[in-house]
Protein backbone atom coordinates (compact mmCIF):
# COMPACT_ATOMS: atom_id res chain seq x y z
CA MET A 1 78.64 95.81 80.18
CA SER A 2 76.11 93.74 78.32
CA SER A 3 76.02 89.97 78.28
CA LEU A 4 77.98 89.97 75.02
CA GLY A 5 81.72 89.55 75.02
CA GLY A 6 82.12 87.36 78.07
CA GLY A 7 79.77 89.10 80.49
CA PRO A 8 77.28 87.16 82.61
CA ARG A 9 74.43 85.27 81.01
CA LEU A 10 72.26 85.89 84.04
CA VAL A 11 72.38 88.38 86.91
CA LEU A 12 69.95 87.77 89.76
CA LEU A 13 69.60 90.73 92.08
CA PHE A 14 68.47 89.55 95.55
CA SER A 15 66.85 91.84 98.10
CA GLY A 16 65.08 91.39 101.40
CA LYS A 17 64.99 92.53 104.98
CA ARG A 18 67.73 91.77 107.50
CA LYS A 19 67.58 88.11 108.57
CA SER A 20 65.20 87.20 105.72
CA GLY A 21 67.75 84.68 104.44
CA LYS A 22 69.28 86.38 101.39
CA ASP A 23 72.75 84.96 102.10
CA PHE A 24 71.33 81.52 102.94
CA VAL A 25 69.40 81.41 99.64
CA THR A 26 72.27 82.67 97.46
CA GLU A 27 74.75 80.29 99.11
CA ALA A 28 72.35 77.36 98.63
CA LEU A 29 71.98 78.22 94.94
CA GLN A 30 75.74 78.57 94.47
CA SER A 31 76.40 75.25 96.19
CA ARG A 32 74.06 73.53 93.73
CA LEU A 33 75.39 75.29 90.66
CA GLY A 34 79.08 75.24 91.59
CA ALA A 35 81.46 78.14 92.04
CA ASP A 36 82.76 77.72 88.48
CA VAL A 37 79.27 78.50 87.11
CA CYS A 38 77.93 80.84 89.78
CA ALA A 39 79.42 83.77 91.70
CA VAL A 40 77.86 85.42 94.74
CA LEU A 41 78.53 89.16 94.64
CA GLN A 42 77.98 91.44 97.59
CA LEU A 43 77.41 95.16 97.15
CA SER A 44 78.25 95.56 100.82
CA ARG A 45 81.74 94.06 100.42
CA PRO A 46 83.38 97.03 98.63
CA LEU A 47 81.36 99.39 100.82
CA LYS A 48 82.67 97.79 104.02
CA LYS A 49 86.19 97.60 102.67
CA GLN A 50 86.28 101.32 101.88
CA TYR A 51 84.57 102.21 105.17
CA ALA A 52 87.07 100.12 107.15
CA GLN A 53 90.00 101.75 105.34
CA GLU A 54 88.70 105.27 105.91
CA HIS A 55 87.83 104.66 109.57
CA GLY A 56 90.65 102.36 110.68
CA LEU A 57 88.38 99.36 111.30
CA ASP A 58 88.77 95.61 110.87
CA PHE A 59 87.35 94.84 107.40
CA GLN A 60 87.00 91.08 108.04
CA ARG A 61 84.98 91.68 111.19
CA LEU A 62 82.66 94.03 109.28
CA LEU A 63 81.88 91.16 106.89
CA ASP A 64 80.46 88.76 109.47
CA ALA A 65 77.20 88.85 111.40
CA SER A 66 78.85 90.11 114.55
CA ILE A 67 78.24 92.64 117.29
CA TYR A 68 81.31 94.43 115.90
CA LYS A 69 79.54 95.09 112.58
CA GLU A 70 76.31 96.06 114.30
CA ALA A 71 78.17 98.65 116.39
CA PHE A 72 79.08 100.50 113.16
CA ARG A 73 76.02 99.73 111.03
CA ARG A 74 74.17 103.03 111.51
CA GLU A 75 77.24 105.17 110.83
CA MET A 76 78.19 102.99 107.87
CA ILE A 77 74.70 103.48 106.39
CA LEU A 78 74.95 107.28 106.70
CA TRP A 79 78.47 107.24 105.22
CA SER A 80 77.41 105.03 102.30
CA ASP A 81 74.38 107.24 101.62
CA GLU A 82 76.74 110.21 101.22
CA LYS A 83 78.92 108.22 98.80
CA ARG A 84 75.87 107.17 96.78
CA GLN A 85 74.59 110.76 96.61
CA ALA A 86 77.80 111.66 94.79
CA ASP A 87 77.86 108.48 92.65
CA PRO A 88 74.84 106.10 92.83
CA GLY A 89 76.71 103.24 91.14
CA CYS A 90 80.00 103.48 93.06
CA PHE A 91 79.60 100.25 95.03
CA CYS A 92 77.87 98.37 92.20
CA ARG A 93 80.81 98.97 89.85
CA LYS A 94 83.31 97.77 92.43
CA ALA A 95 81.23 94.71 93.32
CA VAL A 96 81.28 93.27 89.77
CA GLU A 97 85.03 93.60 89.21
CA GLY A 98 86.90 90.39 88.53
CA PHE A 99 84.01 87.95 88.07
CA SER A 100 83.78 85.75 84.97
CA GLN A 101 81.18 83.12 85.86
CA PRO A 102 78.09 83.02 83.65
CA VAL A 103 75.67 83.38 86.63
CA TRP A 104 75.93 86.20 89.15
CA LEU A 105 73.88 86.25 92.33
CA VAL A 106 74.02 89.73 93.87
CA SER A 107 73.04 88.89 97.44
CA ASP A 108 72.26 92.30 98.90
CA ALA A 109 70.54 94.83 96.65
CA ARG A 110 68.93 97.42 98.91
CA ARG A 111 68.06 100.52 96.90
CA MET A 112 66.33 101.50 93.67
CA SER A 113 69.68 102.92 92.53
CA ASP A 114 71.11 99.36 92.76
CA VAL A 115 68.33 97.98 90.56
CA GLN A 116 68.67 100.87 88.11
CA TRP A 117 72.45 100.46 87.83
CA PHE A 118 72.22 96.71 87.13
CA ARG A 119 69.32 97.21 84.73
CA GLU A 120 71.32 99.80 82.78
CA ALA A 121 74.50 97.72 82.86
CA TYR A 122 73.08 94.26 82.16
CA GLY A 123 69.60 94.88 80.73
CA PRO A 124 67.77 91.73 79.66
CA VAL A 125 70.04 89.31 81.55
CA MET A 126 69.14 90.91 84.91
CA GLN A 127 66.24 89.76 87.07
CA THR A 128 65.14 90.68 90.57
CA VAL A 129 64.52 88.24 93.44
CA ARG A 130 62.88 89.24 96.71
CA VAL A 131 63.45 87.01 99.74
CA VAL A 132 60.66 87.42 102.25
CA ALA A 133 60.32 86.08 105.76
CA SER A 134 57.80 86.79 108.47
CA GLU A 135 58.82 89.02 111.34
CA GLN A 136 58.57 85.98 113.62
CA SER A 137 60.95 83.97 111.41
CA ARG A 138 63.40 86.87 111.32
CA GLN A 139 63.26 87.23 115.09
CA GLN A 140 63.99 83.51 115.49
CA ARG A 141 67.14 84.16 113.40
CA GLY A 142 68.22 86.94 115.78
CA TRP A 143 66.62 90.03 114.23
CA VAL A 144 65.68 92.87 116.56
CA PHE A 145 64.20 96.09 115.21
CA THR A 146 66.82 98.84 115.37
CA PRO A 147 65.75 102.46 114.79
CA GLY A 148 67.96 104.19 112.26
CA VAL A 149 68.76 100.84 110.65
CA ASP A 150 65.51 99.00 109.97
CA ASP A 151 63.50 102.10 109.09
CA VAL A 152 65.82 103.74 106.54
CA GLU A 153 66.46 103.32 102.80
CA SER A 154 69.10 100.62 103.26
CA GLU A 155 66.37 98.33 104.63
CA CYS A 156 63.22 99.82 103.10
CA GLY A 157 64.38 101.12 99.71
CA LEU A 158 62.84 98.23 97.76
CA ASP A 159 59.79 97.58 99.95
CA ASN A 160 57.46 99.16 97.39
CA PHE A 161 59.33 98.05 94.29
CA GLY A 162 56.49 95.61 93.67
CA ASP A 163 57.69 94.26 90.35
CA PHE A 164 60.06 91.49 91.39
CA ASP A 165 60.64 88.74 88.83
CA TRP A 166 60.85 86.15 91.63
CA VAL A 167 59.69 86.03 95.26
CA ILE A 168 61.19 83.42 97.55
CA GLU A 169 59.26 82.79 100.78
CA ASN A 170 61.65 81.82 103.57
CA HIS A 171 59.39 81.52 106.61
CA GLY A 172 61.02 78.37 107.96
CA ASP A 173 59.22 75.71 105.86
CA GLU A 174 62.23 73.82 104.47
CA ARG A 175 60.21 71.79 101.94
CA ARG A 176 58.50 74.90 100.52
CA LEU A 177 61.83 76.71 100.30
CA GLN A 178 63.43 73.80 98.43
CA GLU A 179 60.54 73.75 95.92
CA GLN A 180 61.05 77.45 95.21
CA LEU A 181 64.80 77.01 94.85
CA GLU A 182 64.24 74.14 92.40
CA ASN A 183 62.01 76.40 90.27
CA LEU A 184 64.63 79.11 90.28
CA LEU A 185 67.39 76.58 89.48
CA ASP A 186 65.36 75.32 86.50
CA PHE A 187 65.17 78.89 85.22
CA ILE A 188 68.91 79.44 85.78
CA HIS A 189 69.73 76.26 83.87
CA SER A 190 67.53 77.45 80.99
CA ARG A 191 69.81 80.49 80.67
CA LEU A 192 73.08 78.53 80.54
């Protein structure tokens, strides 16, 4: 799965706490690059699809930021942890299927096993991006600490990774955020 033979030229693996702005940042980058150049991949998409199928739930409603999804989040985390114990790359492999754009933005890396899988699969074309936001900023976006969700590996697995290639600060300062996105876009363009 290297970058040779039609694979991606660049894979950016985004991580961050709930309501830090990972989706906002990846969507902003994709809108500037264009969907023909840049794909946003979600590790949670195949996870939620399989969970919905196995539990008779509404897959589309699990994809949005709804109360419906939140009602199943804790159980979904436990279920996905069991799946990953058996096969750490199971959701990563499914997430990359069918994409041909040269730039991939993986919007929701959460665990060291995610980073390891992408590093092994895509090596030198993979970089990590951490989106950080203050607790106050996250609360203004609707975040409320939830035991069993915000204190487990799915939220904390990369807290001590410490070796991110990029850190995007998303505390609510629009000008500062745009400057950081421009720097990242310059780097992306250098890889095309």
